[in-house]
């Protein structure tokens, strides 16, 4: 485990891959969800909504793990660990649309739940080469 990204795996954070976000809800049972993301060199950003369980789980316990696997070479994996730093509103769906474009949906319209849409900003403290 390291506080620095293993150089040979850094591309996994820059590519539009779908990773698996793991959190621990209040009942203590781990839960995982596929998530799209952006990486700014220090934080992961993900779109989510306030009423969903993933959001409430991160509010109760801000620790997370995010696993990325290279679809072209499945043995290349990177686990990112950290905690939820903050939540920003995305009421206009701008970040949601940016994620859509990053993942190839050029005609991405704001979702029906845009009024509850937020941006999760996740600090990255540990990187684990798998």
Protein backbone atom coordinates (compact mmCIF):
# COMPACT_ATOMS: atom_id res chain seq x y z
CA UNK A 1 0.00 0.00 0.00
CA UNK A 2 1.35 3.42 -0.91
CA UNK A 3 0.35 7.06 -0.80
CA UNK A 4 1.68 7.37 -4.37
CA UNK A 5 0.10 5.98 -7.51
CA UNK A 6 2.13 3.12 -8.95
CA UNK A 7 3.39 4.69 -12.20
CA UNK A 8 2.56 1.67 -14.32
CA UNK A 9 -1.11 1.90 -13.25
CA UNK A 10 -1.70 5.67 -13.40
CA UNK A 11 -3.35 5.37 -16.83
CA UNK A 12 -6.27 3.53 -15.20
CA UNK A 13 -7.24 6.76 -13.43
CA UNK A 14 -7.05 8.81 -16.63
CA UNK A 15 -9.05 6.46 -18.86
CA UNK A 16 -12.87 6.43 -18.94
CA UNK A 17 -13.20 3.13 -17.13
CA UNK A 18 -16.08 2.13 -14.89
CA UNK A 19 -14.76 1.30 -11.45
CA UNK A 20 -16.35 -0.37 -8.44
CA UNK A 21 -16.99 1.88 -5.44
CA UNK A 22 -17.20 0.05 -2.11
CA UNK A 23 -18.67 1.65 1.00
CA UNK A 24 -19.90 0.47 4.38
CA UNK A 25 -23.50 1.42 5.22
CA UNK A 26 -24.72 1.86 8.79
CA UNK A 27 -25.65 -1.83 9.10
CA UNK A 28 -21.97 -2.73 8.60
CA UNK A 29 -22.36 -4.93 5.51
CA UNK A 30 -20.08 -3.85 2.62
CA UNK A 31 -21.73 -2.70 -0.59
CA UNK A 32 -20.31 -2.14 -4.06
CA UNK A 33 -21.54 -0.17 -7.06
CA UNK A 34 -20.17 0.43 -10.55
CA UNK A 35 -19.36 4.13 -10.95
CA UNK A 36 -18.13 6.51 -13.63
CA UNK A 37 -15.59 9.07 -12.42
CA UNK A 38 -13.11 11.81 -13.21
CA UNK A 39 -9.63 12.16 -11.72
CA UNK A 40 -7.90 15.53 -11.18
CA UNK A 41 -4.62 14.23 -9.80
CA UNK A 42 -5.75 14.35 -6.18
CA UNK A 43 -9.49 13.62 -6.03
CA UNK A 44 -12.00 11.30 -7.63
CA UNK A 45 -15.28 12.93 -8.61
CA UNK A 46 -18.49 10.97 -9.12
CA UNK A 47 -22.10 11.89 -9.82
CA UNK A 48 -24.77 10.62 -7.46
CA UNK A 49 -28.10 11.55 -5.89
CA UNK A 50 -28.98 12.43 -2.32
CA UNK A 51 -31.73 9.82 -1.73
CA UNK A 52 -29.64 6.82 -2.79
CA UNK A 53 -28.11 4.46 -0.27
CA UNK A 54 -24.54 5.03 -1.51
CA UNK A 55 -24.83 8.72 -0.62
CA UNK A 56 -26.25 8.04 2.83
CA UNK A 57 -23.61 5.36 3.46
CA UNK A 58 -20.81 7.84 2.68
CA UNK A 59 -22.42 10.40 4.97
CA UNK A 60 -22.46 7.88 7.83
CA UNK A 61 -18.98 6.48 7.10
CA UNK A 62 -16.90 8.52 4.63
CA UNK A 63 -14.33 5.76 4.02
CA UNK A 64 -14.35 4.09 0.61
CA UNK A 65 -12.43 1.80 -1.68
CA UNK A 66 -12.53 2.17 -5.48
CA UNK A 67 -11.30 -0.66 -7.71
CA UNK A 68 -10.26 -0.15 -11.33
CA UNK A 69 -9.48 -3.06 -13.64
CA UNK A 70 -7.94 -2.72 -17.10
CA UNK A 71 -10.47 -4.35 -19.47
CA UNK A 72 -7.66 -5.14 -21.93
CA UNK A 73 -5.47 -6.80 -19.28
CA UNK A 74 -7.64 -7.84 -16.30
CA UNK A 75 -4.61 -8.64 -14.12
CA UNK A 76 -3.81 -4.88 -14.11
CA UNK A 77 -5.81 -3.54 -11.18
CA UNK A 78 -5.58 -0.50 -8.97
CA UNK A 79 -7.42 -0.01 -5.69
CA UNK A 80 -7.81 3.56 -4.45
CA UNK A 81 -8.68 4.20 -0.82
CA UNK A 82 -9.67 7.36 0.98
CA UNK A 83 -12.68 9.23 2.27
CA UNK A 84 -15.41 11.57 1.15
CA UNK A 85 -14.10 15.13 1.34
CA UNK A 86 -17.17 17.11 0.34
CA UNK A 87 -20.34 17.09 -1.68
CA UNK A 88 -21.17 19.79 -4.22
CA UNK A 89 -24.57 20.40 -5.75
CA UNK A 90 -25.08 19.59 -9.43
CA UNK A 91 -28.64 20.88 -9.77
CA UNK A 92 -28.16 21.82 -13.43
CA UNK A 93 -26.63 18.42 -14.26
CA UNK A 94 -23.46 19.98 -15.69
CA UNK A 95 -21.08 17.48 -14.08
CA UNK A 96 -23.41 14.62 -15.00
CA UNK A 97 -23.22 15.77 -18.64
CA UNK A 98 -19.40 16.07 -18.45
CA UNK A 99 -19.24 12.46 -17.25
CA UNK A 100 -21.53 11.43 -20.09
CA UNK A 101 -19.20 13.04 -22.63
CA UNK A 102 -16.13 11.44 -21.01
CA UNK A 103 -17.79 8.05 -21.41
CA UNK A 104 -18.90 8.61 -25.00
CA UNK A 105 -22.45 9.89 -24.60
CA UNK A 106 -22.22 13.13 -26.58
CA UNK A 107 -25.98 13.76 -26.42
CA UNK A 108 -26.19 13.44 -22.65
CA UNK A 109 -29.27 15.19 -21.31
CA UNK A 110 -29.77 16.11 -17.65
CA UNK A 111 -31.34 13.14 -15.84
CA UNK A 112 -34.86 13.18 -14.41
CA UNK A 113 -33.38 13.30 -10.88
CA UNK A 114 -31.29 16.41 -11.61
CA UNK A 115 -32.74 18.27 -8.59
CA UNK A 116 -31.18 15.68 -6.25
CA UNK A 117 -27.92 15.34 -8.21
CA UNK A 118 -24.60 15.98 -6.42
CA UNK A 119 -20.88 15.60 -7.08
CA UNK A 120 -19.04 13.37 -4.62
CA UNK A 121 -15.46 14.58 -4.12
CA UNK A 122 -13.33 11.76 -2.74
CA UNK A 123 -9.86 12.24 -1.29
CA UNK A 124 -7.30 9.64 -2.33
CA UNK A 125 -4.91 8.59 0.41
CA UNK A 126 -3.76 5.07 -0.51
CA UNK A 127 -3.13 3.19 -3.74
CA UNK A 128 -2.85 -0.56 -3.86
CA UNK A 129 -1.52 -2.40 -6.91
CA UNK A 130 -3.45 -5.64 -7.23
